[in-house]
Each structure stands twice: as structure tokens, then as C-alpha cells.
Amino acid sequence: GWHPGIDLANSMGTPIKAPANGVVLAHGQASGYG
């Protein structure tokens, strides 16, 4: 099936880093994305 992104697996709590300077545009919860 269709998959628009990449899945990168690691343990719970692994830090996610900003790929570049920028701004947090939004955050929230959605049934698919959590």
C-alpha cells in the first residue's frame, strides 16, 4: 500500500533532532500519526 514517508525504528525515547534551523509550525494528535 501507499506510504508517503520513511520509517526509522529505534527504542522509545530516542531523541529526534532538527534537520536544520527553522520553526515548529504545528503539533497535535491524529488517529494515523498519533
PDB file of all heavy atoms in Angstrom:
ATOM      1  N   GLY A   1       0.807  -1.219   0.000  1.00  0.00           N
ATOM      2  CA  GLY A   1       0.000   0.000   0.000  1.00  0.00           C
ATOM      3  C   GLY A   1       0.838   1.265   0.000  1.00  0.00           C
ATOM      4  O   GLY A   1       2.057   1.234   0.150  1.00  0.00           O
ATOM      5  N   TRP A   2       0.173   2.379  -0.182  1.00  0.00           N
ATOM      6  CA  TRP A   2       0.814   3.687  -0.277  1.00  0.00           C
ATOM      7  C   TRP A   2       1.459   4.073   1.048  1.00  0.00           C
ATOM      8  O   TRP A   2       0.896   3.876   2.122  1.00  0.00           O
ATOM      9  CB  TRP A   2      -0.218   4.738  -0.684  1.00  0.00           C
ATOM     10  CG  TRP A   2       0.239   6.165  -0.514  1.00  0.00           C
ATOM     11  CD1 TRP A   2      -0.112   7.007   0.478  1.00  0.00           C
ATOM     12  CD2 TRP A   2       1.132   6.886  -1.366  1.00  0.00           C
ATOM     13  NE1 TRP A   2       0.509   8.234   0.309  1.00  0.00           N
ATOM     14  CE2 TRP A   2       1.280   8.183  -0.820  1.00  0.00           C
ATOM     15  CE3 TRP A   2       1.836   6.566  -2.534  1.00  0.00           C
ATOM     16  CZ2 TRP A   2       2.080   9.157  -1.409  1.00  0.00           C
ATOM     17  CZ3 TRP A   2       2.638   7.541  -3.116  1.00  0.00           C
ATOM     18  CH2 TRP A   2       2.756   8.816  -2.562  1.00  0.00           C
ATOM     19  N   HIS A   3       2.645   4.661   0.960  1.00  0.00           N
ATOM     20  CA  HIS A   3       3.346   5.149   2.147  1.00  0.00           C
ATOM     21  C   HIS A   3       4.107   6.399   1.746  1.00  0.00           C
ATOM     22  O   HIS A   3       5.058   6.336   0.962  1.00  0.00           O
ATOM     23  CB  HIS A   3       4.316   4.077   2.665  1.00  0.00           C
ATOM     24  CG  HIS A   3       4.981   4.454   3.957  1.00  0.00           C
ATOM     25  ND1 HIS A   3       6.354   4.547   4.098  1.00  0.00           N
ATOM     26  CD2 HIS A   3       4.462   4.754   5.166  1.00  0.00           C
ATOM     27  CE1 HIS A   3       6.642   4.880   5.352  1.00  0.00           C
ATOM     28  NE2 HIS A   3       5.515   5.014   6.018  1.00  0.00           N
ATOM     29  N   PRO A   4       3.715   7.573   2.261  1.00  0.00           N
ATOM     30  CA  PRO A   4       4.319   8.832   1.801  1.00  0.00           C
ATOM     31  C   PRO A   4       5.631   9.200   2.478  1.00  0.00           C
ATOM     32  O   PRO A   4       6.224  10.218   2.136  1.00  0.00           O
ATOM     33  CB  PRO A   4       3.238   9.873   2.152  1.00  0.00           C
ATOM     34  CG  PRO A   4       2.586   9.308   3.364  1.00  0.00           C
ATOM     35  CD  PRO A   4       2.601   7.811   3.203  1.00  0.00           C
ATOM     36  N   GLY A   5       6.076   8.406   3.461  1.00  0.00           N
ATOM     37  CA  GLY A   5       7.270   8.804   4.198  1.00  0.00           C
ATOM     38  C   GLY A   5       8.262   7.671   4.385  1.00  0.00           C
ATOM     39  O   GLY A   5       8.202   6.647   3.719  1.00  0.00           O
ATOM     40  N   ILE A   6       9.202   7.893   5.306  1.00  0.00           N
ATOM     41  CA  ILE A   6      10.178   6.874   5.674  1.00  0.00           C
ATOM     42  C   ILE A   6       9.964   6.549   7.151  1.00  0.00           C
ATOM     43  O   ILE A   6       9.612   7.419   7.950  1.00  0.00           O
ATOM     44  CB  ILE A   6      11.620   7.379   5.444  1.00  0.00           C
ATOM     45  CG1 ILE A   6      12.632   6.264   5.676  1.00  0.00           C
ATOM     46  CG2 ILE A   6      11.937   8.600   6.310  1.00  0.00           C
ATOM     47  CD1 ILE A   6      14.063   6.637   5.264  1.00  0.00           C
ATOM     48  N   ASP A   7      10.121   5.263   7.529  1.00  0.00           N
ATOM     49  CA  ASP A   7      10.004   4.836   8.925  1.00  0.00           C
ATOM     50  C   ASP A   7      11.395   4.501   9.458  1.00  0.00           C
ATOM     51  O   ASP A   7      12.103   3.660   8.884  1.00  0.00           O
ATOM     52  CB  ASP A   7       9.084   3.620   9.042  1.00  0.00           C
ATOM     53  CG  ASP A   7       7.623   3.980   8.819  1.00  0.00           C
ATOM     54  OD1 ASP A   7       7.310   5.181   8.822  1.00  0.00           O
ATOM     55  OD2 ASP A   7       6.794   3.060   8.650  1.00  0.00           O
ATOM     56  N   LEU A   8      11.757   5.185  10.535  1.00  0.00           N
ATOM     57  CA  LEU A   8      13.068   4.987  11.154  1.00  0.00           C
ATOM     58  C   LEU A   8      12.852   4.420  12.556  1.00  0.00           C
ATOM     59  O   LEU A   8      12.367   5.123  13.453  1.00  0.00           O
ATOM     60  CB  LEU A   8      13.826   6.312  11.226  1.00  0.00           C
ATOM     61  CG  LEU A   8      14.010   7.037   9.876  1.00  0.00           C
ATOM     62  CD1 LEU A   8      14.635   8.412  10.095  1.00  0.00           C
ATOM     63  CD2 LEU A   8      14.858   6.204   8.921  1.00  0.00           C
ATOM     64  N   ALA A   9      13.172   3.130  12.747  1.00  0.00           N
ATOM     65  CA  ALA A   9      12.884   2.445  14.007  1.00  0.00           C
ATOM     66  C   ALA A   9      14.056   2.522  14.973  1.00  0.00           C
ATOM     67  O   ALA A   9      15.216   2.329  14.594  1.00  0.00           O
ATOM     68  CB  ALA A   9      12.539   0.986  13.729  1.00  0.00           C
ATOM     69  N   ASN A  10      13.731   2.808  16.235  1.00  0.00           N
ATOM     70  CA  ASN A  10      14.703   2.781  17.323  1.00  0.00           C
ATOM     71  C   ASN A  10      13.910   2.656  18.621  1.00  0.00           C
ATOM     72  O   ASN A  10      12.675   2.593  18.609  1.00  0.00           O
ATOM     73  CB  ASN A  10      15.586   4.033  17.313  1.00  0.00           C
ATOM     74  CG  ASN A  10      16.944   3.782  17.969  1.00  0.00           C
ATOM     75  OD1 ASN A  10      17.056   2.994  18.904  1.00  0.00           O
ATOM     76  ND2 ASN A  10      17.973   4.446  17.467  1.00  0.00           N
ATOM     77  N   SER A  11      14.582   2.643  19.733  1.00  0.00           N
ATOM     78  CA  SER A  11      13.910   2.427  21.017  1.00  0.00           C
ATOM     79  C   SER A  11      13.106   3.653  21.436  1.00  0.00           C
ATOM     80  O   SER A  11      13.360   4.778  20.981  1.00  0.00           O
ATOM     81  CB  SER A  11      14.933   2.093  22.099  1.00  0.00           C
ATOM     82  OG  SER A  11      15.888   3.134  22.208  1.00  0.00           O
ATOM     83  N   MET A  12      12.129   3.431  22.321  1.00  0.00           N
ATOM     84  CA  MET A  12      11.313   4.510  22.861  1.00  0.00           C
ATOM     85  C   MET A  12      12.201   5.574  23.501  1.00  0.00           C
ATOM     86  O   MET A  12      13.159   5.256  24.203  1.00  0.00           O
ATOM     87  CB  MET A  12      10.346   3.976  23.920  1.00  0.00           C
ATOM     88  CG  MET A  12       9.236   3.089  23.362  1.00  0.00           C
ATOM     89  SD  MET A  12       7.942   4.038  22.525  1.00  0.00           S
ATOM     90  CE  MET A  12       7.167   4.831  23.927  1.00  0.00           C
ATOM     91  N   GLY A  13      11.874   6.835  23.238  1.00  0.00           N
ATOM     92  CA  GLY A  13      12.596   7.930  23.872  1.00  0.00           C
ATOM     93  C   GLY A  13      13.855   8.361  23.149  1.00  0.00           C
ATOM     94  O   GLY A  13      14.553   9.275  23.615  1.00  0.00           O
ATOM     95  N   THR A  14      14.175   7.717  22.002  1.00  0.00           N
ATOM     96  CA  THR A  14      15.338   8.152  21.224  1.00  0.00           C
ATOM     97  C   THR A  14      15.124   9.589  20.754  1.00  0.00           C
ATOM     98  O   THR A  14      14.075   9.908  20.193  1.00  0.00           O
ATOM     99  CB  THR A  14      15.545   7.239  19.996  1.00  0.00           C
ATOM    100  OG1 THR A  14      15.778   5.907  20.438  1.00  0.00           O
ATOM    101  CG2 THR A  14      16.713   7.713  19.149  1.00  0.00           C
ATOM    102  N   PRO A  15      16.093  10.485  20.966  1.00  0.00           N
ATOM    103  CA  PRO A  15      15.914  11.887  20.569  1.00  0.00           C
ATOM    104  C   PRO A  15      15.741  12.052  19.063  1.00  0.00           C
ATOM    105  O   PRO A  15      16.377  11.357  18.264  1.00  0.00           O
ATOM    106  CB  PRO A  15      17.203  12.568  21.040  1.00  0.00           C
ATOM    107  CG  PRO A  15      17.733  11.681  22.109  1.00  0.00           C
ATOM    108  CD  PRO A  15      17.369  10.285  21.682  1.00  0.00           C
ATOM    109  N   ILE A  16      14.881  12.980  18.687  1.00  0.00           N
ATOM    110  CA  ILE A  16      14.684  13.385  17.295  1.00  0.00           C
ATOM    111  C   ILE A  16      15.266  14.795  17.169  1.00  0.00           C
ATOM    112  O   ILE A  16      14.911  15.688  17.949  1.00  0.00           O
ATOM    113  CB  ILE A  16      13.200  13.369  16.906  1.00  0.00           C
ATOM    114  CG1 ILE A  16      12.634  11.945  17.035  1.00  0.00           C
ATOM    115  CG2 ILE A  16      12.992  13.903  15.488  1.00  0.00           C
ATOM    116  CD1 ILE A  16      11.119  11.870  16.897  1.00  0.00           C
ATOM    117  N   LYS A  17      16.145  14.978  16.218  1.00  0.00           N
ATOM    118  CA  LYS A  17      16.879  16.239  16.070  1.00  0.00           C
ATOM    119  C   LYS A  17      16.301  17.088  14.934  1.00  0.00           C
ATOM    120  O   LYS A  17      15.776  16.561  13.946  1.00  0.00           O
ATOM    121  CB  LYS A  17      18.357  15.961  15.772  1.00  0.00           C
ATOM    122  CG  LYS A  17      19.045  15.010  16.741  1.00  0.00           C
ATOM    123  CD  LYS A  17      19.248  15.637  18.108  1.00  0.00           C
ATOM    124  CE  LYS A  17      20.069  14.720  19.012  1.00  0.00           C
ATOM    125  NZ  LYS A  17      20.297  15.332  20.352  1.00  0.00           N
ATOM    126  N   ALA A  18      16.421  18.405  15.068  1.00  0.00           N
ATOM    127  CA  ALA A  18      16.017  19.316  13.992  1.00  0.00           C
ATOM    128  C   ALA A  18      16.972  19.155  12.816  1.00  0.00           C
ATOM    129  O   ALA A  18      18.185  19.291  12.976  1.00  0.00           O
ATOM    130  CB  ALA A  18      16.047  20.755  14.489  1.00  0.00           C
ATOM    131  N   PRO A  19      16.457  18.849  11.616  1.00  0.00           N
ATOM    132  CA  PRO A  19      17.330  18.660  10.454  1.00  0.00           C
ATOM    133  C   PRO A  19      18.043  19.947  10.031  1.00  0.00           C
ATOM    134  O   PRO A  19      19.055  19.899   9.356  1.00  0.00           O
ATOM    135  CB  PRO A  19      16.379  18.184   9.350  1.00  0.00           C
ATOM    136  CG  PRO A  19      15.167  17.688  10.069  1.00  0.00           C
ATOM    137  CD  PRO A  19      15.054  18.536  11.283  1.00  0.00           C
ATOM    138  N   ALA A  20      17.467  21.110  10.421  1.00  0.00           N
ATOM    139  CA  ALA A  20      18.060  22.408  10.056  1.00  0.00           C
ATOM    140  C   ALA A  20      17.439  23.475  10.937  1.00  0.00           C
ATOM    141  O   ALA A  20      16.509  23.213  11.698  1.00  0.00           O
ATOM    142  CB  ALA A  20      17.798  22.710   8.578  1.00  0.00           C
ATOM    143  N   ASN A  21      17.974  24.701  10.836  1.00  0.00           N
ATOM    144  CA  ASN A  21      17.351  25.815  11.538  1.00  0.00           C
ATOM    145  C   ASN A  21      15.938  26.012  10.993  1.00  0.00           C
ATOM    146  O   ASN A  21      15.694  25.860   9.790  1.00  0.00           O
ATOM    147  CB  ASN A  21      18.140  27.107  11.325  1.00  0.00           C
ATOM    148  CG  ASN A  21      19.535  27.035  11.925  1.00  0.00           C
ATOM    149  OD1 ASN A  21      19.836  26.138  12.726  1.00  0.00           O
ATOM    150  ND2 ASN A  21      20.388  27.965  11.534  1.00  0.00           N
ATOM    151  N   GLY A  22      15.002  26.371  11.863  1.00  0.00           N
ATOM    152  CA  GLY A  22      13.635  26.569  11.392  1.00  0.00           C
ATOM    153  C   GLY A  22      12.684  26.908  12.509  1.00  0.00           C
ATOM    154  O   GLY A  22      13.062  27.520  13.508  1.00  0.00           O
ATOM    155  N   VAL A  23      11.452  26.496  12.357  1.00  0.00           N
ATOM    156  CA  VAL A  23      10.407  26.811  13.322  1.00  0.00           C
ATOM    157  C   VAL A  23       9.438  25.634  13.421  1.00  0.00           C
ATOM    158  O   VAL A  23       9.221  24.915  12.434  1.00  0.00           O
ATOM    159  CB  VAL A  23       9.645  28.091  12.902  1.00  0.00           C
ATOM    160  CG1 VAL A  23       8.996  27.940  11.546  1.00  0.00           C
ATOM    161  CG2 VAL A  23       8.620  28.499  13.944  1.00  0.00           C
ATOM    162  N   VAL A  24       8.878  25.423  14.619  1.00  0.00           N
ATOM    163  CA  VAL A  24       7.827  24.412  14.795  1.00  0.00           C
ATOM    164  C   VAL A  24       6.525  25.036  14.322  1.00  0.00           C
ATOM    165  O   VAL A  24       6.005  25.974  14.932  1.00  0.00           O
ATOM    166  CB  VAL A  24       7.714  23.974  16.272  1.00  0.00           C
ATOM    167  CG1 VAL A  24       6.564  22.983  16.440  1.00  0.00           C
ATOM    168  CG2 VAL A  24       9.017  23.341  16.738  1.00  0.00           C
ATOM    169  N   LEU A  25       6.030  24.515  13.220  1.00  0.00           N
ATOM    170  CA  LEU A  25       4.846  25.088  12.588  1.00  0.00           C
ATOM    171  C   LEU A  25       3.562  24.628  13.266  1.00  0.00           C
ATOM    172  O   LEU A  25       2.595  25.380  13.383  1.00  0.00           O
ATOM    173  CB  LEU A  25       4.826  24.688  11.108  1.00  0.00           C
ATOM    174  CG  LEU A  25       3.836  25.389  10.184  1.00  0.00           C
ATOM    175  CD1 LEU A  25       4.059  26.888  10.201  1.00  0.00           C
ATOM    176  CD2 LEU A  25       3.986  24.854   8.766  1.00  0.00           C
ATOM    177  N   ALA A  26       3.532  23.382  13.726  1.00  0.00           N
ATOM    178  CA  ALA A  26       2.320  22.843  14.365  1.00  0.00           C
ATOM    179  C   ALA A  26       2.659  21.545  15.074  1.00  0.00           C
ATOM    180  O   ALA A  26       3.650  20.885  14.763  1.00  0.00           O
ATOM    181  CB  ALA A  26       1.237  22.588  13.318  1.00  0.00           C
ATOM    182  N   HIS A  27       1.802  21.176  16.010  1.00  0.00           N
ATOM    183  CA  HIS A  27       1.859  19.843  16.586  1.00  0.00           C
ATOM    184  C   HIS A  27       0.479  19.492  17.116  1.00  0.00           C
ATOM    185  O   HIS A  27      -0.377  20.363  17.321  1.00  0.00           O
ATOM    186  CB  HIS A  27       2.932  19.716  17.675  1.00  0.00           C
ATOM    187  CG  HIS A  27       2.747  20.647  18.843  1.00  0.00           C
ATOM    188  ND1 HIS A  27       1.638  20.646  19.652  1.00  0.00           N
ATOM    189  CD2 HIS A  27       3.559  21.620  19.326  1.00  0.00           C
ATOM    190  CE1 HIS A  27       1.768  21.554  20.599  1.00  0.00           C
ATOM    191  NE2 HIS A  27       2.927  22.178  20.418  1.00  0.00           N
ATOM    192  N   GLY A  28       0.235  18.223  17.287  1.00  0.00           N
ATOM    193  CA  GLY A  28      -1.081  17.789  17.743  1.00  0.00           C
ATOM    194  C   GLY A  28      -1.193  16.284  17.727  1.00  0.00           C
ATOM    195  O   GLY A  28      -0.178  15.563  17.794  1.00  0.00           O
ATOM    196  N   GLN A  29      -2.425  15.802  17.619  1.00  0.00           N
ATOM    197  CA  GLN A  29      -2.680  14.369  17.576  1.00  0.00           C
ATOM    198  C   GLN A  29      -3.607  14.056  16.412  1.00  0.00           C
ATOM    199  O   GLN A  29      -4.535  14.803  16.128  1.00  0.00           O
ATOM    200  CB  GLN A  29      -3.325  13.892  18.882  1.00  0.00           C
ATOM    201  CG  GLN A  29      -2.386  13.931  20.088  1.00  0.00           C
ATOM    202  CD  GLN A  29      -3.056  13.377  21.326  1.00  0.00           C
ATOM    203  OE1 GLN A  29      -4.250  13.538  21.540  1.00  0.00           O
ATOM    204  NE2 GLN A  29      -2.276  12.708  22.160  1.00  0.00           N
ATOM    205  N   ALA A  30      -3.341  12.949  15.743  1.00  0.00           N
ATOM    206  CA  ALA A  30      -4.194  12.464  14.654  1.00  0.00           C
ATOM    207  C   ALA A  30      -4.232  10.947  14.741  1.00  0.00           C
ATOM    208  O   ALA A  30      -3.264  10.315  15.185  1.00  0.00           O
ATOM    209  CB  ALA A  30      -3.650  12.914  13.298  1.00  0.00           C
ATOM    210  N   SER A  31      -5.356  10.349  14.339  1.00  0.00           N
ATOM    211  CA  SER A  31      -5.541   8.908  14.524  1.00  0.00           C
ATOM    212  C   SER A  31      -4.444   8.080  13.866  1.00  0.00           C
ATOM    213  O   SER A  31      -3.984   7.084  14.421  1.00  0.00           O
ATOM    214  CB  SER A  31      -6.903   8.491  13.950  1.00  0.00           C
ATOM    215  OG  SER A  31      -7.008   8.845  12.583  1.00  0.00           O
ATOM    216  N   GLY A  32      -3.995   8.490  12.676  1.00  0.00           N
ATOM    217  CA  GLY A  32      -2.952   7.729  11.997  1.00  0.00           C
ATOM    218  C   GLY A  32      -1.559   8.035  12.516  1.00  0.00           C
ATOM    219  O   GLY A  32      -0.773   7.142  12.829  1.00  0.00           O
ATOM    220  N   TYR A  33      -1.250   9.327  12.655  1.00  0.00           N
ATOM    221  CA  TYR A  33       0.089   9.765  13.050  1.00  0.00           C
ATOM    222  C   TYR A  33       0.336   9.686  14.561  1.00  0.00           C
ATOM    223  O   TYR A  33       1.476   9.722  14.993  1.00  0.00           O
ATOM    224  CB  TYR A  33       0.319  11.219  12.610  1.00  0.00           C
ATOM    225  CG  TYR A  33       0.415  11.415  11.118  1.00  0.00           C
ATOM    226  CD1 TYR A  33      -0.667  11.887  10.375  1.00  0.00           C
ATOM    227  CD2 TYR A  33       1.599  11.152  10.440  1.00  0.00           C
ATOM    228  CE1 TYR A  33      -0.577  12.081   9.008  1.00  0.00           C
ATOM    229  CE2 TYR A  33       1.712  11.353   9.071  1.00  0.00           C
ATOM    230  CZ  TYR A  33       0.615  11.822   8.353  1.00  0.00           C
ATOM    231  OH  TYR A  33       0.717  12.014   7.003  1.00  0.00           O
ATOM    232  N   GLY A  34      -0.723   9.614  15.354  1.00  0.00           N
ATOM    233  CA  GLY A  34      -0.545   9.730  16.797  1.00  0.00           C
ATOM    234  C   GLY A  34      -0.106  11.138  17.121  1.00  0.00           C
ATOM    235  O   GLY A  34      -0.633  12.122  16.579  1.00  0.00           O
TER     236      GLY A  34
END
